[in-house]
C-alpha cells in the first residue's frame, strides 16, 4: 500500500520545500560548533547507514524522474525539445568544473583536483523553489530549469559512478553481482511483477552488493534497477500532482518513499554538514565561485551555442531569464555535499572547506532574486526584453 502524505498543511509545506534537510543542516552546524567531539562521534556512528544505504532511495527517486522524462510527453522524449536544456546542462557542468580546475592550478595545490565535480551539481528542489519565486506560473524558464536539472542529475550519476569509486575496483565481482541483479530485474519485469518491494529486496540488494564489493558507490544501487520497474507510458511532468493518481510500480515506489527520503535528507544534513564556522579557506571560495559564477556562464553560453547550432529556445526565454535561472542553478547543496564526501576522505584538510562552499551556495538564491528584480524578469514572458 502506498504511504500517504497529507497534501495540505504544515507537513506538505515542509516536505515540498525540503525543510527537514535545512533543519538537519542547522542542527549539525550548531552542534559541531558547540561540541565538536560529541558531534563527530554521532556523525561517524551513522555515516555509513545514511550515506551508503539511506541515500540509495534519494538517488533512486532522481533516476525515476530521468526515466519518466524520456517517456512520450516528457521533456527528454523529443531530441529537438530537449536539445537546448541539455546543451545548457552540459555547459552548467563544464564551466564550473573548468573554473575549479583553473583555480586549483593557480593556487598550485593539485591535491584539491579531486573536488572538480563538486560545483557541477544543481540542487533541483531549491533551484526550483527559487524559480517559482522569481518567475510567474507558466513562464518557460521554470520547465527549462527543471529539464536542465534532470539532465544534470543524470550526468551527475554517471560522474559519481565513474570518477568517484568508494574503494579499489574489483571488476570481476562487480560484473558478476550486477549481472545477477539485472537478470533478476529483467525477469521480474518480464513476469509483470508489480510490487516494488520485490525489486528492492531482490535485484536492488544484489546491485548494492555489486557496487559495494566492486568498489563503486553503493548509493547508486537502485539507479540501474529503477528502469525495470513497470511504469506509465507517458510523462506528466516533474512535480505534477496528477502523478498521485497513478499506481504503476514506479509511481507507487515514489509515493511510498517520498516522505521517508525527506527524513533521510534530514539525517544526511545532520551527518554531513557539521563543520566549524572557521572552516573557510581557498577550497570554500573555489567551490562557491565555481557554482555562482560558473553555472550561469556555462548555462547561458551553451544555450546560446545551441541556438547557433539551429536549436531554438522556448518563446519568451530571453537572455536575461537565462542568466537568472543560471544563477538559481548555482545552488549545489545536497548533491554538491554528497560529491564532497565522495571526493575527499574524512581526514582531508579540504573536506570541511569544500562543505562550506556547498553550504554557502545558498547565496545564489538571494542573488538570483536580486538580479531578477533589477532586470524585472518576473513579468509575463511576452513583455520581457530580448
Protein backbone atom coordinates (compact mmCIF):
# COMPACT_ATOMS: atom_id res chain seq x y z
CA UNK A 1 0.00 0.00 0.00
CA UNK A 2 1.32 3.43 -0.88
CA UNK A 3 2.29 5.60 2.03
CA UNK A 4 0.04 8.66 2.04
CA UNK A 5 1.27 12.15 2.77
CA UNK A 6 -1.15 14.98 3.55
CA UNK A 7 -1.44 17.26 0.53
CA UNK A 8 -2.23 20.37 2.57
CA UNK A 9 -0.98 21.98 5.73
CA UNK A 10 2.32 22.16 7.52
CA UNK A 11 3.56 18.64 6.70
CA UNK A 12 3.02 19.14 2.98
CA UNK A 13 4.83 22.51 3.10
CA UNK A 14 7.79 21.03 5.00
CA UNK A 15 8.18 18.09 2.61
CA UNK A 16 7.71 20.11 -0.57
CA UNK A 17 10.36 22.64 0.41
CA UNK A 18 12.94 20.20 1.86
CA UNK A 19 12.80 21.95 5.21
CA UNK A 20 13.86 18.78 7.02
CA UNK A 21 17.18 18.92 5.17
CA UNK A 22 17.62 22.55 6.16
CA UNK A 23 16.71 21.69 9.75
CA UNK A 24 19.26 18.89 9.87
CA UNK A 25 21.89 21.25 8.45
CA UNK A 26 21.23 23.94 11.05
CA UNK A 27 21.32 21.42 13.92
CA UNK A 28 24.59 19.97 12.61
CA UNK A 29 26.24 23.38 12.32
CA UNK A 30 25.20 24.42 15.82
CA UNK A 31 26.14 21.06 17.36
CA UNK A 32 29.54 20.89 15.64
CA UNK A 33 30.45 24.37 16.81
CA UNK A 34 29.29 23.84 20.39
CA UNK A 35 30.59 20.33 21.00
CA UNK A 36 32.69 19.08 18.09
CA UNK A 37 33.76 15.84 19.80
CA UNK A 38 30.20 14.70 20.56
CA UNK A 39 29.04 15.66 17.07
CA UNK A 40 31.87 13.77 15.36
CA UNK A 41 31.13 10.65 17.41
CA UNK A 42 27.45 10.78 16.46
CA UNK A 43 28.06 11.55 12.77
CA UNK A 44 30.63 8.78 12.45
CA UNK A 45 28.30 6.23 14.06
CA UNK A 46 25.55 6.64 11.44
CA UNK A 47 27.57 7.89 8.45
CA UNK A 48 27.52 4.55 6.62
CA UNK A 49 23.82 3.93 7.26
CA UNK A 50 22.89 7.36 5.90
CA UNK A 51 25.34 7.92 3.03
CA UNK A 52 25.64 4.36 1.73
CA UNK A 53 22.18 2.96 2.50
CA UNK A 54 19.66 5.76 3.05
CA UNK A 55 20.82 7.84 0.09
CA UNK A 56 20.12 4.84 -2.17
CA UNK A 57 16.49 5.95 -2.19
CA UNK A 58 17.29 9.61 -2.85
CA UNK A 59 19.21 8.69 -6.00
CA UNK A 60 16.53 6.16 -6.94
CA UNK A 61 13.89 8.92 -7.00
CA UNK A 62 16.23 11.03 -9.14
CA UNK A 63 16.61 8.09 -11.53
CA UNK A 64 12.82 7.70 -11.63
CA UNK A 65 12.43 11.30 -12.84
CA UNK A 66 15.07 10.78 -15.54
CA UNK A 67 13.33 7.60 -16.77
CA UNK A 68 9.92 9.31 -16.91
CA UNK A 69 11.35 12.37 -18.64
CA UNK A 70 12.28 10.13 -21.57
CA UNK A 71 8.73 8.79 -21.98
CA UNK A 72 6.34 10.21 -24.62
CA UNK A 73 5.25 13.66 -23.49
CA UNK A 74 8.34 14.03 -21.32
CA UNK A 75 10.89 16.79 -21.79
CA UNK A 76 13.58 14.33 -22.90
CA UNK A 77 11.32 12.45 -25.32
CA UNK A 78 11.91 14.84 -28.21
CA UNK A 79 15.57 15.48 -29.12
CA UNK A 80 14.66 18.86 -30.58
CA UNK A 81 12.71 19.90 -27.48
CA UNK A 82 15.41 18.70 -25.11
CA UNK A 83 18.42 19.95 -27.06
CA UNK A 84 18.78 23.46 -25.60
CA UNK A 85 18.30 22.49 -21.92
CA UNK A 86 20.69 19.55 -22.36
CA UNK A 87 23.25 21.83 -24.01
CA UNK A 88 22.77 24.23 -21.10
CA UNK A 89 23.16 21.42 -18.57
CA UNK A 90 26.45 20.34 -20.17
CA UNK A 91 27.67 23.93 -20.03
CA UNK A 92 26.42 24.24 -16.46
CA UNK A 93 28.70 21.36 -15.50
CA UNK A 94 31.68 22.03 -17.77
CA UNK A 95 32.17 25.70 -16.85
CA UNK A 96 32.14 25.21 -13.05
CA UNK A 97 34.44 22.19 -13.34
CA UNK A 98 36.77 24.19 -15.57
CA UNK A 99 36.82 27.14 -13.16
CA UNK A 100 37.56 24.83 -10.25
CA UNK A 101 40.45 23.14 -12.07
CA UNK A 102 41.82 26.53 -13.15
CA UNK A 103 41.71 27.75 -9.56
CA UNK A 104 43.50 24.59 -8.37
CA UNK A 105 46.24 25.24 -10.93
CA UNK A 106 46.54 28.93 -9.97
CA UNK A 107 46.89 28.24 -6.24
CA UNK A 108 49.36 25.47 -7.01
CA UNK A 109 47.59 22.82 -4.95
CA UNK A 110 46.76 19.82 -7.10
CA UNK A 111 45.52 17.84 -4.09
CA UNK A 112 42.19 19.64 -4.44
CA UNK A 113 41.69 18.49 -8.04
CA UNK A 114 39.55 15.55 -6.85
CA UNK A 115 36.87 18.08 -5.97
CA UNK A 116 36.33 19.19 -9.58
CA UNK A 117 32.83 17.65 -9.78
CA UNK A 118 31.51 19.32 -6.61
CA UNK A 119 30.42 22.54 -8.38
CA UNK A 120 28.85 20.54 -11.24
CA UNK A 121 25.83 19.79 -9.03
CA UNK A 122 22.47 21.55 -9.08
CA UNK A 123 20.06 21.05 -6.20
CA UNK A 124 16.82 20.56 -8.10
CA UNK A 125 14.48 21.20 -5.17
CA UNK A 126 15.93 24.52 -4.02
CA UNK A 127 16.67 25.80 -7.53
CA UNK A 128 13.08 25.02 -8.48
CA UNK A 129 11.85 26.86 -5.38
CA UNK A 130 13.81 29.97 -6.42
CA UNK A 131 12.50 29.73 -9.99
CA UNK A 132 8.91 29.56 -8.72
CA UNK A 133 9.60 32.63 -6.56
CA UNK A 134 11.10 34.67 -9.40
CA UNK A 135 9.07 33.69 -12.46
CA UNK A 136 5.27 33.71 -12.86
CA UNK A 137 3.38 30.45 -13.34
CA UNK A 138 3.63 29.31 -16.94
CA UNK A 139 6.91 31.09 -17.65
CA UNK A 140 9.16 28.91 -19.86
CA UNK A 141 12.12 29.43 -17.52
CA UNK A 142 10.57 27.07 -14.93
CA UNK A 143 10.26 23.92 -17.10
CA UNK A 144 13.61 24.82 -18.71
CA UNK A 145 15.30 24.80 -15.29
CA UNK A 146 13.60 21.53 -14.35
CA UNK A 147 14.74 19.83 -17.53
CA UNK A 148 18.25 21.23 -17.08
CA UNK A 149 18.31 19.87 -13.52
CA UNK A 150 17.09 16.44 -14.66
CA UNK A 151 19.87 16.28 -17.25
CA UNK A 152 22.30 17.50 -14.59
CA UNK A 153 21.16 14.69 -12.27
CA UNK A 154 21.60 12.08 -15.00
CA UNK A 155 25.14 13.23 -15.81
CA UNK A 156 25.92 13.59 -12.12
CA UNK A 157 25.03 9.95 -11.51
CA UNK A 158 27.43 8.94 -14.28
CA UNK A 159 30.20 11.15 -12.87
CA UNK A 160 29.71 9.72 -9.39
CA UNK A 161 29.89 6.15 -10.68
CA UNK A 162 32.88 6.66 -12.99
CA UNK A 163 35.11 9.16 -11.20
CA UNK A 164 34.41 8.54 -7.51
CA UNK A 165 34.80 4.85 -6.69
CA UNK A 166 34.38 4.14 -3.00
CA UNK A 167 37.30 1.71 -2.92
CA UNK A 168 39.61 -0.40 -5.03
CA UNK A 169 37.84 -1.53 -8.18
CA UNK A 170 37.04 -5.24 -8.42
CA UNK A 171 35.65 -5.51 -11.93
CA UNK A 172 35.07 -9.27 -11.79
CA UNK A 173 32.94 -9.19 -8.65
CA UNK A 174 31.15 -6.06 -9.85
CA UNK A 175 30.22 -7.69 -13.16
CA UNK A 176 29.16 -10.97 -11.54
CA UNK A 177 26.85 -9.49 -8.93
CA UNK A 178 25.49 -6.79 -11.26
CA UNK A 179 24.73 -9.33 -13.99
CA UNK A 180 22.69 -11.30 -11.46
CA UNK A 181 20.90 -8.13 -10.34
CA UNK A 182 20.00 -7.04 -13.87
CA UNK A 183 18.95 -10.55 -14.89
CA UNK A 184 16.62 -10.79 -11.90
CA UNK A 185 15.19 -7.32 -12.59
CA UNK A 186 14.59 -8.28 -16.24
CA UNK A 187 12.83 -11.49 -15.24
CA UNK A 188 10.62 -9.65 -12.75
CA UNK A 189 9.68 -7.12 -15.43
CA UNK A 190 9.04 -9.91 -17.95
CA UNK A 191 6.77 -11.66 -15.44
CA UNK A 192 4.98 -8.33 -14.87
CA UNK A 193 5.71 -8.30 -11.16
CA UNK A 194 4.11 -5.13 -9.86
CA UNK A 195 5.26 -4.97 -6.23
CA UNK A 196 8.18 -2.53 -5.97
CA UNK A 197 9.38 -4.16 -2.73
CA UNK A 198 10.37 -7.25 -4.70
CA UNK A 199 12.55 -5.11 -6.97
CA UNK A 200 14.15 -3.51 -3.92
CA UNK A 201 14.75 -6.65 -1.89
CA UNK A 202 15.82 -8.82 -4.86
CA UNK A 203 17.77 -7.09 -7.65
CA UNK A 204 18.14 -3.94 -5.54
CA UNK A 205 20.08 -5.77 -2.83
CA UNK A 206 22.17 -7.63 -5.41
CA UNK A 207 23.01 -4.33 -7.12
CA UNK A 208 24.02 -2.78 -3.78
CA UNK A 209 26.34 -5.73 -3.11
CA UNK A 210 27.75 -5.43 -6.65
CA UNK A 211 28.67 -1.78 -6.18
CA UNK A 212 29.92 -2.24 -2.62
CA UNK A 213 32.24 -5.17 -3.33
CA UNK A 214 33.12 -3.80 -6.77
CA UNK A 215 34.44 -0.51 -5.39
CA UNK A 216 31.73 1.85 -6.71
CA UNK A 217 29.47 3.95 -4.51
CA UNK A 218 26.60 1.75 -3.26
CA UNK A 219 24.26 4.77 -3.01
CA UNK A 220 23.70 4.29 -6.75
CA UNK A 221 22.40 0.74 -6.25
CA UNK A 222 18.83 1.35 -7.43
CA UNK A 223 19.75 3.54 -10.40
CA UNK A 224 20.14 0.56 -12.79
CA UNK A 225 17.12 -1.22 -11.26
CA UNK A 226 14.50 1.54 -11.36
CA UNK A 227 14.15 1.46 -15.21
CA UNK A 228 12.99 -2.17 -14.98
CA UNK A 229 10.02 -1.29 -12.76
CA UNK A 230 6.72 -1.28 -14.69
CA UNK A 231 5.78 2.33 -15.32
CA UNK A 232 3.31 4.57 -17.11
CA UNK A 233 3.59 5.01 -20.87
CA UNK A 234 3.63 8.81 -20.75
CA UNK A 235 5.13 11.53 -18.58
CA UNK A 236 3.04 14.10 -16.74
CA UNK A 237 5.94 16.36 -15.81
CA UNK A 238 8.19 16.77 -12.79
CA UNK A 239 6.38 17.61 -9.51
CA UNK A 240 2.99 17.08 -11.18
CA UNK A 241 0.22 16.44 -8.64
CA UNK A 242 -1.51 14.24 -11.23
CA UNK A 243 1.14 11.57 -10.57
CA UNK A 244 -0.56 10.92 -7.22
CA UNK A 245 -3.38 9.25 -9.16
CA UNK A 246 -1.03 6.87 -10.95
CA UNK A 247 -0.49 3.47 -9.39
CA UNK A 248 2.05 1.78 -11.64
CA UNK A 249 5.02 0.19 -9.86
CA UNK A 250 7.39 3.11 -10.38
CA UNK A 251 4.90 5.70 -9.11
CA UNK A 252 3.92 3.50 -6.16
CA UNK A 253 7.61 3.38 -5.29
CA UNK A 254 7.78 7.18 -5.33
CA UNK A 255 4.52 7.57 -3.37
CA UNK A 256 5.83 5.32 -0.60
CA UNK A 257 9.38 6.69 -0.42
CA UNK A 258 8.79 10.41 -0.97
CA UNK A 259 8.32 11.22 2.72
CA UNK A 260 10.94 8.76 4.10
CA UNK A 261 13.53 10.22 1.72
CA UNK A 262 12.94 13.62 3.31
CA UNK A 263 13.82 12.03 6.66
CA UNK A 264 16.92 10.54 5.01
CA UNK A 265 17.83 14.04 3.84
CA UNK A 266 17.38 15.37 7.36
CA UNK A 267 19.87 12.75 8.56
CA UNK A 268 22.12 13.47 5.58
CA UNK A 269 22.27 17.13 6.57
CA UNK A 270 22.80 16.17 10.21
CA UNK A 271 25.69 13.80 9.36
CA UNK A 272 27.48 15.75 6.65
CA UNK A 273 27.14 19.47 7.31
CA UNK A 274 28.51 19.80 10.83
CA UNK A 275 31.60 21.86 10.10
CA UNK A 276 33.27 24.57 12.18
CA UNK A 277 32.31 28.03 11.00
CA UNK A 278 36.02 28.80 10.85
CA UNK A 279 36.45 26.16 8.11
CA UNK A 280 36.53 28.75 5.37
CA UNK A 281 39.52 28.63 3.07
CA UNK A 282 40.66 28.55 -0.52
CA UNK A 283 38.60 25.49 -1.41
CA UNK A 284 35.46 27.16 0.00
CA UNK A 285 35.82 30.05 -2.42
CA UNK A 286 36.73 27.69 -5.24
CA UNK A 287 33.52 25.72 -4.81
CA UNK A 288 31.34 28.78 -4.22
CA UNK A 289 32.83 30.80 -7.09
CA UNK A 290 32.63 27.89 -9.48
CA UNK A 291 28.93 27.41 -8.66
CA UNK A 292 27.75 31.01 -8.52
CA UNK A 293 29.86 32.25 -11.46
CA UNK A 294 30.46 29.10 -13.48
CA UNK A 295 26.84 27.89 -13.56
CA UNK A 296 25.31 30.97 -15.22
CA UNK A 297 28.31 31.35 -17.56
CA UNK A 298 28.08 27.76 -18.72
CA UNK A 299 24.29 27.63 -18.94
CA UNK A 300 23.91 30.89 -20.87
CA UNK A 301 26.92 30.25 -23.09
CA UNK A 302 25.92 26.73 -24.11
CA UNK A 303 22.24 27.70 -24.52
CA UNK A 304 23.32 30.41 -26.96
CA UNK A 305 25.64 27.94 -28.66
CA UNK A 306 22.67 25.59 -29.12
CA UNK A 307 20.82 28.45 -30.80
CA UNK A 308 23.71 28.96 -33.19
CA UNK A 309 23.56 25.24 -33.96
CA UNK A 310 19.93 25.65 -35.00
CA UNK A 311 18.06 24.61 -31.84
CA UNK A 312 15.59 27.35 -30.84
CA UNK A 313 14.84 28.35 -27.25
CA UNK A 314 11.30 28.37 -25.94
CA UNK A 315 9.39 31.53 -26.77
CA UNK A 316 9.84 34.15 -24.03
CA UNK A 317 13.05 32.61 -22.66
CA UNK A 318 15.39 35.53 -23.28
CA UNK A 319 18.99 36.08 -22.26
CA UNK A 320 18.11 37.84 -19.02
CA UNK A 321 15.87 34.98 -17.91
CA UNK A 322 18.65 32.55 -18.82
CA UNK A 323 21.08 34.43 -16.60
CA UNK A 324 18.65 34.41 -13.66
CA UNK A 325 17.87 30.70 -13.93
CA UNK A 326 21.61 30.04 -14.39
CA UNK A 327 22.28 31.78 -11.08
CA UNK A 328 19.46 29.81 -9.43
CA UNK A 329 21.02 26.59 -10.72
CA UNK A 330 24.16 27.55 -8.79
CA UNK A 331 22.58 26.19 -5.59
CA UNK A 332 24.55 22.95 -5.29
CA UNK A 333 23.78 21.94 -1.70
CA UNK A 334 22.54 18.32 -1.46
CA UNK A 335 24.33 16.73 -4.43
CA UNK A 336 27.34 19.02 -4.02
CA UNK A 337 27.67 17.87 -0.40
CA UNK A 338 27.42 14.25 -1.49
CA UNK A 339 30.13 14.78 -4.11
CA UNK A 340 32.24 16.45 -1.42
CA UNK A 341 32.07 13.40 0.84
CA UNK A 342 32.88 11.18 -2.15
CA UNK A 343 35.79 13.35 -3.33
CA UNK A 344 37.67 13.93 -0.09
CA UNK A 345 38.37 11.40 2.70
CA UNK A 346 37.34 12.17 6.26
CA UNK A 347 40.89 13.18 7.23
CA UNK A 348 41.36 15.54 4.28
CA UNK A 349 42.06 19.17 5.21
CA UNK A 350 39.92 20.16 2.21
CA UNK A 351 36.74 18.34 3.28
CA UNK A 352 35.28 20.94 5.64
CA UNK A 353 36.31 23.82 3.38
CA UNK A 354 34.54 22.21 0.42
CA UNK A 355 31.44 21.57 2.54
CA UNK A 356 31.33 25.24 3.49
CA UNK A 357 31.43 26.13 -0.21
CA UNK A 358 28.48 23.82 -0.90
CA UNK A 359 26.54 25.29 2.03
CA UNK A 360 27.28 28.87 1.03
CA UNK A 361 25.96 28.16 -2.47
CA UNK A 362 22.59 29.08 -0.96
CA UNK A 363 23.76 32.65 -1.59
CA UNK A 364 22.79 32.00 -5.21
CA UNK A 365 19.13 32.26 -4.15
CA UNK A 366 19.09 35.92 -2.99
CA UNK A 367 21.47 36.77 -5.82
CA UNK A 368 19.06 35.31 -8.41
CA UNK A 369 16.11 37.10 -6.82
CA UNK A 370 18.06 40.39 -6.70
CA UNK A 371 19.12 40.17 -10.34
CA UNK A 372 15.56 39.24 -11.35
CA UNK A 373 14.18 42.30 -9.59
CA UNK A 374 16.83 44.55 -11.09
CA UNK A 375 16.02 43.29 -14.60
CA UNK A 376 12.28 42.94 -13.90
CA UNK A 377 12.17 39.41 -15.28
CA UNK A 378 9.15 38.37 -13.20
CA UNK A 379 6.60 39.85 -15.60
CA UNK A 380 4.77 37.95 -18.37
CA UNK A 381 7.12 36.33 -20.81
CA UNK A 382 5.76 38.36 -23.71
CA UNK A 383 6.83 41.60 -22.04
CA UNK A 384 10.44 40.57 -21.46
CA UNK A 385 13.23 42.26 -23.33
CA UNK A 386 15.45 40.07 -25.52
